[in-house]
């Protein structure tokens, strides 16, 4: 049996009190970080391959897995000021982000077509996301990507799935049965989100978009981020005039550019 379909450790859920339900979910969730920790060597290999290639990173998934990939990819531009490096593709298109699209994950050719629409090259990486590791939409795209010379990886919770077998750098987090049998939006989804965070954050750090522990290329999309950026400039330059730091930030558009401009002025 596929590990993600194994029967829950808990039964008679409908008879539980609220506290018992919450405690049971929490007990199961505690296994997720340990499963991700065991997968760190595989994540390391994948990240090193991505950095060596230097191209785009495509996330492809269906349902919850697809949504998680799209969310992670969409957070890269505002967080790190990098457009078009991470691209999330979900079976069924944008409609599937809010609604289930019947049969979308069962069509391998559609996965191939959706990938080819971006004209991938061997510099790129495709990471398939599927809790079961058997979604045909994802497996089909990964197999095609490998034929085209892309680096291929995956995030899955089933080591025996077709996806882990199809890619070069499989990342498998064995989280075990879900609290609600088969509800992979729970532990499996949490594991995928943690791994996506690790991959994209590592790639952005190694790409020079973090200095010290600060996001120096973040987009200034709200007052909170403008304030954070101004304080970062004060810290990096030794300035004491907050208003001057804020003005520099707004003039140059990023912490990195503002600090470089200030240092040029002082030279």
C-alpha atoms as a PDB file:
ATOM      1  CA  UNK A   1       0.000   0.000   0.000  1.00  0.00           C
ATOM      2  CA  UNK A   2       1.148   3.551  -0.764  1.00  0.00           C
ATOM      3  CA  UNK A   3       2.451   4.995   2.514  1.00  0.00           C
ATOM      4  CA  UNK A   4       0.289   8.103   2.217  1.00  0.00           C
ATOM      5  CA  UNK A   5      -2.822   5.868   2.089  1.00  0.00           C
ATOM      6  CA  UNK A   6      -2.033   3.875   5.227  1.00  0.00           C
ATOM      7  CA  UNK A   7      -4.723   3.790   7.892  1.00  0.00           C
ATOM      8  CA  UNK A   8      -4.564   6.478  10.560  1.00  0.00           C
ATOM      9  CA  UNK A   9      -3.107   5.648  13.963  1.00  0.00           C
ATOM     10  CA  UNK A  10      -6.347   7.052  15.383  1.00  0.00           C
ATOM     11  CA  UNK A  11      -9.881   5.762  15.008  1.00  0.00           C
ATOM     12  CA  UNK A  12     -13.428   6.846  15.868  1.00  0.00           C
ATOM     13  CA  UNK A  13     -12.444  10.453  15.201  1.00  0.00           C
ATOM     14  CA  UNK A  14     -16.074  11.536  15.169  1.00  0.00           C
ATOM     15  CA  UNK A  15     -16.386  10.437  18.807  1.00  0.00           C
ATOM     16  CA  UNK A  16     -13.430  12.507  20.019  1.00  0.00           C
ATOM     17  CA  UNK A  17     -13.684  15.739  21.976  1.00  0.00           C
ATOM     18  CA  UNK A  18     -12.239  18.900  20.457  1.00  0.00           C
ATOM     19  CA  UNK A  19      -9.214  18.596  22.749  1.00  0.00           C
ATOM     20  CA  UNK A  20      -8.647  14.989  21.720  1.00  0.00           C
ATOM     21  CA  UNK A  21      -8.832  15.886  18.021  1.00  0.00           C
ATOM     22  CA  UNK A  22      -6.400  18.775  18.397  1.00  0.00           C
ATOM     23  CA  UNK A  23      -4.010  16.743  20.533  1.00  0.00           C
ATOM     24  CA  UNK A  24      -4.061  13.867  18.056  1.00  0.00           C
ATOM     25  CA  UNK A  25      -3.325  16.147  15.101  1.00  0.00           C
ATOM     26  CA  UNK A  26      -0.500  17.793  17.035  1.00  0.00           C
ATOM     27  CA  UNK A  27       0.988  14.424  17.982  1.00  0.00           C
ATOM     28  CA  UNK A  28       1.049  13.380  14.335  1.00  0.00           C
ATOM     29  CA  UNK A  29       2.468  16.743  13.206  1.00  0.00           C
ATOM     30  CA  UNK A  30       5.476  16.311  15.489  1.00  0.00           C
ATOM     31  CA  UNK A  31       6.774  13.550  13.227  1.00  0.00           C
ATOM     32  CA  UNK A  32       7.053  15.889  10.221  1.00  0.00           C
ATOM     33  CA  UNK A  33      10.244  17.826  11.114  1.00  0.00           C
ATOM     34  CA  UNK A  34      12.008  14.560  11.862  1.00  0.00           C
ATOM     35  CA  UNK A  35      11.024  13.164   8.453  1.00  0.00           C
ATOM     36  CA  UNK A  36      12.290  16.338   6.781  1.00  0.00           C
ATOM     37  CA  UNK A  37      15.523  16.197   8.781  1.00  0.00           C
ATOM     38  CA  UNK A  38      16.168  12.679   7.481  1.00  0.00           C
ATOM     39  CA  UNK A  39      15.772  14.031   3.933  1.00  0.00           C
ATOM     40  CA  UNK A  40      18.358  16.842   4.305  1.00  0.00           C
ATOM     41  CA  UNK A  41      21.132  15.004   2.378  1.00  0.00           C
ATOM     42  CA  UNK A  42      18.748  14.593  -0.572  1.00  0.00           C
ATOM     43  CA  UNK A  43      17.652  18.238  -0.348  1.00  0.00           C
ATOM     44  CA  UNK A  44      21.326  19.265  -0.265  1.00  0.00           C
ATOM     45  CA  UNK A  45      22.036  17.354  -3.463  1.00  0.00           C
ATOM     46  CA  UNK A  46      19.087  18.967  -5.212  1.00  0.00           C
ATOM     47  CA  UNK A  47      19.994  22.503  -4.106  1.00  0.00           C
ATOM     48  CA  UNK A  48      23.606  22.056  -5.183  1.00  0.00           C
ATOM     49  CA  UNK A  49      22.395  20.897  -8.589  1.00  0.00           C
ATOM     50  CA  UNK A  50      20.068  23.882  -8.948  1.00  0.00           C
ATOM     51  CA  UNK A  51      22.823  26.343  -8.077  1.00  0.00           C
ATOM     52  CA  UNK A  52      25.251  24.682 -10.488  1.00  0.00           C
ATOM     53  CA  UNK A  53      22.749  24.910 -13.335  1.00  0.00           C
ATOM     54  CA  UNK A  54      21.835  28.508 -12.629  1.00  0.00           C
ATOM     55  CA  UNK A  55      18.561  28.502 -14.548  1.00  0.00           C
ATOM     56  CA  UNK A  56      14.899  28.585 -13.653  1.00  0.00           C
ATOM     57  CA  UNK A  57      13.221  26.300 -11.138  1.00  0.00           C
ATOM     58  CA  UNK A  58       9.828  24.909 -12.104  1.00  0.00           C
ATOM     59  CA  UNK A  59       7.548  23.491  -9.434  1.00  0.00           C
ATOM     60  CA  UNK A  60       4.853  21.182 -10.827  1.00  0.00           C
ATOM     61  CA  UNK A  61       2.070  19.579  -8.849  1.00  0.00           C
ATOM     62  CA  UNK A  62      -1.633  18.841  -8.636  1.00  0.00           C
ATOM     63  CA  UNK A  63      -4.101  19.744  -5.911  1.00  0.00           C
ATOM     64  CA  UNK A  64      -2.513  20.654  -2.584  1.00  0.00           C
ATOM     65  CA  UNK A  65       0.964  19.896  -3.921  1.00  0.00           C
ATOM     66  CA  UNK A  66       0.478  22.219  -6.873  1.00  0.00           C
ATOM     67  CA  UNK A  67      -0.885  24.990  -4.670  1.00  0.00           C
ATOM     68  CA  UNK A  68       2.094  24.769  -2.344  1.00  0.00           C
ATOM     69  CA  UNK A  69       4.479  25.073  -5.286  1.00  0.00           C
ATOM     70  CA  UNK A  70       2.661  28.097  -6.675  1.00  0.00           C
ATOM     71  CA  UNK A  71       2.664  29.777  -3.256  1.00  0.00           C
ATOM     72  CA  UNK A  72       6.392  29.247  -2.740  1.00  0.00           C
ATOM     73  CA  UNK A  73       7.229  30.505  -6.237  1.00  0.00           C
ATOM     74  CA  UNK A  74       4.987  33.557  -5.832  1.00  0.00           C
ATOM     75  CA  UNK A  75       6.768  34.590  -2.641  1.00  0.00           C
ATOM     76  CA  UNK A  76      10.212  34.834  -4.237  1.00  0.00           C
ATOM     77  CA  UNK A  77       9.798  38.183  -6.084  1.00  0.00           C
ATOM     78  CA  UNK A  78       8.587  40.210  -3.075  1.00  0.00           C
ATOM     79  CA  UNK A  79      10.965  38.517  -0.651  1.00  0.00           C
ATOM     80  CA  UNK A  80      14.136  38.551  -2.732  1.00  0.00           C
ATOM     81  CA  UNK A  81      13.410  40.898  -5.644  1.00  0.00           C
ATOM     82  CA  UNK A  82      13.966  38.107  -8.174  1.00  0.00           C
ATOM     83  CA  UNK A  83      11.449  37.765 -10.999  1.00  0.00           C
ATOM     84  CA  UNK A  84      10.975  34.650 -13.124  1.00  0.00           C
ATOM     85  CA  UNK A  85      13.463  32.363 -11.376  1.00  0.00           C
ATOM     86  CA  UNK A  86      10.876  30.211  -9.611  1.00  0.00           C
ATOM     87  CA  UNK A  87       7.761  29.255 -11.568  1.00  0.00           C
ATOM     88  CA  UNK A  88       4.822  27.335 -10.118  1.00  0.00           C
ATOM     89  CA  UNK A  89       2.688  25.203 -12.431  1.00  0.00           C
ATOM     90  CA  UNK A  90      -0.485  23.527 -11.181  1.00  0.00           C
ATOM     91  CA  UNK A  91      -2.593  20.896 -12.913  1.00  0.00           C
ATOM     92  CA  UNK A  92      -5.778  22.551 -14.105  1.00  0.00           C
ATOM     93  CA  UNK A  93      -4.244  26.029 -14.270  1.00  0.00           C
ATOM     94  CA  UNK A  94      -5.189  29.013 -12.136  1.00  0.00           C
ATOM     95  CA  UNK A  95      -8.725  27.706 -11.646  1.00  0.00           C
ATOM     96  CA  UNK A  96      -7.283  24.786  -9.699  1.00  0.00           C
ATOM     97  CA  UNK A  97      -5.742  27.096  -7.133  1.00  0.00           C
ATOM     98  CA  UNK A  98      -9.158  27.654  -5.545  1.00  0.00           C
ATOM     99  CA  UNK A  99     -11.229  24.784  -6.930  1.00  0.00           C
ATOM    100  CA  UNK A 100     -10.696  21.112  -7.658  1.00  0.00           C
ATOM    101  CA  UNK A 101     -10.423  20.450 -11.396  1.00  0.00           C
ATOM    102  CA  UNK A 102     -11.713  16.965 -12.146  1.00  0.00           C
ATOM    103  CA  UNK A 103      -9.148  14.642 -13.676  1.00  0.00           C
ATOM    104  CA  UNK A 104      -6.440  17.312 -13.959  1.00  0.00           C
ATOM    105  CA  UNK A 105      -3.778  15.249 -12.234  1.00  0.00           C
ATOM    106  CA  UNK A 106      -4.469  12.155 -14.331  1.00  0.00           C
ATOM    107  CA  UNK A 107      -3.231  13.505 -17.688  1.00  0.00           C
ATOM    108  CA  UNK A 108       0.540  13.056 -18.234  1.00  0.00           C
ATOM    109  CA  UNK A 109       0.449  14.767 -21.631  1.00  0.00           C
ATOM    110  CA  UNK A 110      -1.052  17.894 -20.100  1.00  0.00           C
ATOM    111  CA  UNK A 111       1.844  18.012 -17.661  1.00  0.00           C
ATOM    112  CA  UNK A 112       4.255  17.824 -20.587  1.00  0.00           C
ATOM    113  CA  UNK A 113       2.373  20.513 -22.518  1.00  0.00           C
ATOM    114  CA  UNK A 114       2.243  22.862 -19.527  1.00  0.00           C
ATOM    115  CA  UNK A 115       5.994  22.534 -19.043  1.00  0.00           C
ATOM    116  CA  UNK A 116       6.848  22.970 -22.731  1.00  0.00           C
ATOM    117  CA  UNK A 117       4.850  26.220 -22.797  1.00  0.00           C
ATOM    118  CA  UNK A 118       7.755  27.772 -20.866  1.00  0.00           C
ATOM    119  CA  UNK A 119      10.383  26.601 -23.385  1.00  0.00           C
ATOM    120  CA  UNK A 120      12.606  24.911 -20.789  1.00  0.00           C
ATOM    121  CA  UNK A 121      16.349  24.504 -21.348  1.00  0.00           C
ATOM    122  CA  UNK A 122      19.024  22.246 -19.809  1.00  0.00           C
ATOM    123  CA  UNK A 123      19.950  25.109 -17.466  1.00  0.00           C
ATOM    124  CA  UNK A 124      16.566  24.736 -15.777  1.00  0.00           C
ATOM    125  CA  UNK A 125      15.331  22.429 -13.028  1.00  0.00           C
ATOM    126  CA  UNK A 126      11.952  20.749 -12.669  1.00  0.00           C
ATOM    127  CA  UNK A 127      10.793  19.738  -9.206  1.00  0.00           C
ATOM    128  CA  UNK A 128       7.697  17.551  -9.235  1.00  0.00           C
ATOM    129  CA  UNK A 129       5.564  17.663  -6.093  1.00  0.00           C
ATOM    130  CA  UNK A 130       3.252  14.769  -5.281  1.00  0.00           C
ATOM    131  CA  UNK A 131       2.561  13.286  -1.863  1.00  0.00           C
ATOM    132  CA  UNK A 132       1.843   9.830  -3.297  1.00  0.00           C
ATOM    133  CA  UNK A 133       4.558  10.198  -5.922  1.00  0.00           C
ATOM    134  CA  UNK A 134       2.207   8.814  -8.546  1.00  0.00           C
ATOM    135  CA  UNK A 135       0.323  11.789 -10.032  1.00  0.00           C
ATOM    136  CA  UNK A 136       0.521  11.157 -13.818  1.00  0.00           C
ATOM    137  CA  UNK A 137       0.481  14.900 -14.600  1.00  0.00           C
ATOM    138  CA  UNK A 138       3.674  15.343 -12.588  1.00  0.00           C
ATOM    139  CA  UNK A 139       5.392  12.094 -13.526  1.00  0.00           C
ATOM    140  CA  UNK A 140       4.845  12.745 -17.228  1.00  0.00           C
ATOM    141  CA  UNK A 141       6.367  16.212 -16.985  1.00  0.00           C
ATOM    142  CA  UNK A 142       9.383  14.971 -15.028  1.00  0.00           C
ATOM    143  CA  UNK A 143      10.106  12.224 -17.540  1.00  0.00           C
ATOM    144  CA  UNK A 144       9.913  14.709 -20.401  1.00  0.00           C
ATOM    145  CA  UNK A 145      12.113  17.192 -18.557  1.00  0.00           C
ATOM    146  CA  UNK A 146      14.759  14.551 -18.061  1.00  0.00           C
ATOM    147  CA  UNK A 147      14.676  13.748 -21.790  1.00  0.00           C
ATOM    148  CA  UNK A 148      15.265  17.446 -22.494  1.00  0.00           C
ATOM    149  CA  UNK A 149      18.288  17.587 -20.198  1.00  0.00           C
ATOM    150  CA  UNK A 150      16.794  19.507 -17.282  1.00  0.00           C
ATOM    151  CA  UNK A 151      17.820  18.642 -13.744  1.00  0.00           C
ATOM    152  CA  UNK A 152      14.885  16.756 -12.238  1.00  0.00           C
ATOM    153  CA  UNK A 153      13.926  16.492  -8.605  1.00  0.00           C
ATOM    154  CA  UNK A 154      10.832  15.776  -6.597  1.00  0.00           C
ATOM    155  CA  UNK A 155       9.174  16.220  -3.225  1.00  0.00           C
ATOM    156  CA  UNK A 156       7.196  13.162  -2.221  1.00  0.00           C
ATOM    157  CA  UNK A 157       6.187  11.107   0.787  1.00  0.00           C
ATOM    158  CA  UNK A 158       6.395   7.740  -0.943  1.00  0.00           C
ATOM    159  CA  UNK A 159       9.779   6.252  -1.797  1.00  0.00           C
ATOM    160  CA  UNK A 160       8.233   3.613  -4.063  1.00  0.00           C
ATOM    161  CA  UNK A 161       6.266   6.077  -6.167  1.00  0.00           C
ATOM    162  CA  UNK A 162       6.885   6.478  -9.890  1.00  0.00           C
ATOM    163  CA  UNK A 163       7.984  10.082  -9.332  1.00  0.00           C
ATOM    164  CA  UNK A 164      10.911   9.224  -7.056  1.00  0.00           C
ATOM    165  CA  UNK A 165      12.014   6.610  -9.579  1.00  0.00           C
ATOM    166  CA  UNK A 166      11.744   9.002 -12.533  1.00  0.00           C
ATOM    167  CA  UNK A 167      13.886  11.890 -11.292  1.00  0.00           C
ATOM    168  CA  UNK A 168      17.599  12.323 -10.597  1.00  0.00           C
ATOM    169  CA  UNK A 169      17.314  13.998  -7.202  1.00  0.00           C
ATOM    170  CA  UNK A 170      14.344  12.580  -5.312  1.00  0.00           C
ATOM    171  CA  UNK A 171      13.489  14.082  -1.936  1.00  0.00           C
ATOM    172  CA  UNK A 172      11.266  11.770   0.073  1.00  0.00           C
ATOM    173  CA  UNK A 173       9.886  12.633   3.507  1.00  0.00           C
ATOM    174  CA  UNK A 174       8.371   9.547   5.102  1.00  0.00           C
ATOM    175  CA  UNK A 175       5.795  11.170   7.343  1.00  0.00           C
ATOM    176  CA  UNK A 176       3.627   8.078   7.795  1.00  0.00           C
ATOM    177  CA  UNK A 177      -0.171   7.880   7.978  1.00  0.00           C
ATOM    178  CA  UNK A 178      -2.272  11.022   8.171  1.00  0.00           C
ATOM    179  CA  UNK A 179      -4.523  11.758  11.160  1.00  0.00           C
ATOM    180  CA  UNK A 180      -7.453  11.558   8.744  1.00  0.00           C
ATOM    181  CA  UNK A 181      -6.559   8.610   6.497  1.00  0.00           C
ATOM    182  CA  UNK A 182      -5.336   9.793   3.102  1.00  0.00           C
ATOM    183  CA  UNK A 183      -5.710  13.521   3.855  1.00  0.00           C
ATOM    184  CA  UNK A 184      -2.315  14.483   2.473  1.00  0.00           C
ATOM    185  CA  UNK A 185      -2.968  18.205   2.877  1.00  0.00           C
ATOM    186  CA  UNK A 186      -2.000  17.569   6.509  1.00  0.00           C
ATOM    187  CA  UNK A 187       1.393  16.010   7.348  1.00  0.00           C
ATOM    188  CA  UNK A 188       2.424  15.442   3.741  1.00  0.00           C
ATOM    189  CA  UNK A 189       1.519  19.017   2.830  1.00  0.00           C
ATOM    190  CA  UNK A 190       3.399  20.375   5.824  1.00  0.00           C
ATOM    191  CA  UNK A 191       6.490  18.391   4.859  1.00  0.00           C
ATOM    192  CA  UNK A 192       6.303  19.691   1.285  1.00  0.00           C
ATOM    193  CA  UNK A 193       5.992  23.283   2.503  1.00  0.00           C
ATOM    194  CA  UNK A 194       9.010  22.913   4.789  1.00  0.00           C
ATOM    195  CA  UNK A 195      11.110  21.423   1.990  1.00  0.00           C
ATOM    196  CA  UNK A 196      10.045  24.110  -0.486  1.00  0.00           C
ATOM    197  CA  UNK A 197      11.073  26.747   2.055  1.00  0.00           C
ATOM    198  CA  UNK A 198      14.463  25.082   2.401  1.00  0.00           C
ATOM    199  CA  UNK A 199      15.061  24.822  -1.342  1.00  0.00           C
ATOM    200  CA  UNK A 200      14.053  28.342  -2.359  1.00  0.00           C
ATOM    201  CA  UNK A 201      15.655  30.030   0.652  1.00  0.00           C
ATOM    202  CA  UNK A 202      18.935  28.181   0.149  1.00  0.00           C
ATOM    203  CA  UNK A 203      19.018  29.052  -3.558  1.00  0.00           C
ATOM    204  CA  UNK A 204      18.353  32.726  -2.826  1.00  0.00           C
ATOM    205  CA  UNK A 205      21.009  32.881  -0.095  1.00  0.00           C
ATOM    206  CA  UNK A 206      23.586  31.224  -2.340  1.00  0.00           C
ATOM    207  CA  UNK A 207      22.538  33.614  -5.123  1.00  0.00           C
ATOM    208  CA  UNK A 208      23.620  36.580  -3.021  1.00  0.00           C
ATOM    209  CA  UNK A 209      20.196  37.946  -2.127  1.00  0.00           C
ATOM    210  CA  UNK A 210      20.839  37.747   1.614  1.00  0.00           C
ATOM    211  CA  UNK A 211      23.609  39.608   3.431  1.00  0.00           C
ATOM    212  CA  UNK A 212      24.254  38.572   7.009  1.00  0.00           C
ATOM    213  CA  UNK A 213      20.729  37.413   7.707  1.00  0.00           C
ATOM    214  CA  UNK A 214      18.867  40.215   5.915  1.00  0.00           C
ATOM    215  CA  UNK A 215      16.855  40.253   2.659  1.00  0.00           C
ATOM    216  CA  UNK A 216      18.670  43.077   0.889  1.00  0.00           C
ATOM    217  CA  UNK A 217      16.692  42.886  -2.370  1.00  0.00           C
ATOM    218  CA  UNK A 218      13.147  42.650  -0.977  1.00  0.00           C
ATOM    219  CA  UNK A 219      10.430  44.618  -2.722  1.00  0.00           C
ATOM    220  CA  UNK A 220       9.050  47.606  -0.834  1.00  0.00           C
ATOM    221  CA  UNK A 221       5.406  46.614  -1.057  1.00  0.00           C
ATOM    222  CA  UNK A 222       4.120  48.016   2.248  1.00  0.00           C
ATOM    223  CA  UNK A 223       4.980  50.312   5.152  1.00  0.00           C
ATOM    224  CA  UNK A 224       6.314  47.465   7.275  1.00  0.00           C
ATOM    225  CA  UNK A 225       8.885  46.523   4.658  1.00  0.00           C
ATOM    226  CA  UNK A 226       9.910  50.136   4.070  1.00  0.00           C
ATOM    227  CA  UNK A 227      10.469  50.515   7.809  1.00  0.00           C
ATOM    228  CA  UNK A 228      12.426  47.257   7.949  1.00  0.00           C
ATOM    229  CA  UNK A 229      14.550  48.337   4.996  1.00  0.00           C
ATOM    230  CA  UNK A 230      15.327  51.735   6.529  1.00  0.00           C
ATOM    231  CA  UNK A 231      16.461  50.092   9.760  1.00  0.00           C
ATOM    232  CA  UNK A 232      18.619  47.677   7.778  1.00  0.00           C
ATOM    233  CA  UNK A 233      20.312  50.638   6.089  1.00  0.00           C
ATOM    234  CA  UNK A 234      20.999  52.234   9.462  1.00  0.00           C
ATOM    235  CA  UNK A 235      22.588  49.000  10.647  1.00  0.00           C
ATOM    236  CA  UNK A 236      24.697  48.476   7.527  1.00  0.00           C
ATOM    237  CA  UNK A 237      25.957  52.057   7.167  1.00  0.00           C
ATOM    238  CA  UNK A 238      26.236  53.234  10.744  1.00  0.00           C
ATOM    239  CA  UNK A 239      23.897  56.125   9.931  1.00  0.00           C
ATOM    240  CA  UNK A 240      21.722  57.475  12.728  1.00  0.00           C
ATOM    241  CA  UNK A 241      19.246  59.516  10.669  1.00  0.00           C
ATOM    242  CA  UNK A 242      16.211  57.274  10.078  1.00  0.00           C
ATOM    243  CA  UNK A 243      14.507  59.741   7.751  1.00  0.00           C
ATOM    244  CA  UNK A 244      17.634  59.959   5.585  1.00  0.00           C
ATOM    245  CA  UNK A 245      17.872  56.172   5.447  1.00  0.00           C
ATOM    246  CA  UNK A 246      14.218  55.892   4.481  1.00  0.00           C
ATOM    247  CA  UNK A 247      14.625  58.515   1.765  1.00  0.00           C
ATOM    248  CA  UNK A 248      17.624  56.674   0.334  1.00  0.00           C
ATOM    249  CA  UNK A 249      15.667  53.438   0.326  1.00  0.00           C
ATOM    250  CA  UNK A 250      12.704  54.918  -1.513  1.00  0.00           C
ATOM    251  CA  UNK A 251      14.980  56.672  -3.983  1.00  0.00           C
ATOM    252  CA  UNK A 252      16.996  53.582  -4.905  1.00  0.00           C
ATOM    253  CA  UNK A 253      14.357  50.888  -4.455  1.00  0.00           C
ATOM    254  CA  UNK A 254      16.262  48.325  -2.395  1.00  0.00           C
ATOM    255  CA  UNK A 255      18.452  48.055   0.654  1.00  0.00           C
ATOM    256  CA  UNK A 256      21.381  46.863  -1.449  1.00  0.00           C
ATOM    257  CA  UNK A 257      21.175  49.779  -3.890  1.00  0.00           C
ATOM    258  CA  UNK A 258      20.632  52.342  -1.125  1.00  0.00           C
ATOM    259  CA  UNK A 259      23.657  51.115   0.854  1.00  0.00           C
ATOM    260  CA  UNK A 260      25.846  51.126  -2.264  1.00  0.00           C
ATOM    261  CA  UNK A 261      24.693  54.664  -3.094  1.00  0.00           C
ATOM    262  CA  UNK A 262      25.435  55.867   0.428  1.00  0.00           C
ATOM    263  CA  UNK A 263      28.900  54.322   0.385  1.00  0.00           C
ATOM    264  CA  UNK A 264      29.623  55.977  -2.972  1.00  0.00           C
ATOM    265  CA  UNK A 265      28.621  59.325  -1.508  1.00  0.00           C
ATOM    266  CA  UNK A 266      31.024  58.843   1.376  1.00  0.00           C
ATOM    267  CA  UNK A 267      33.953  57.740  -0.795  1.00  0.00           C
END
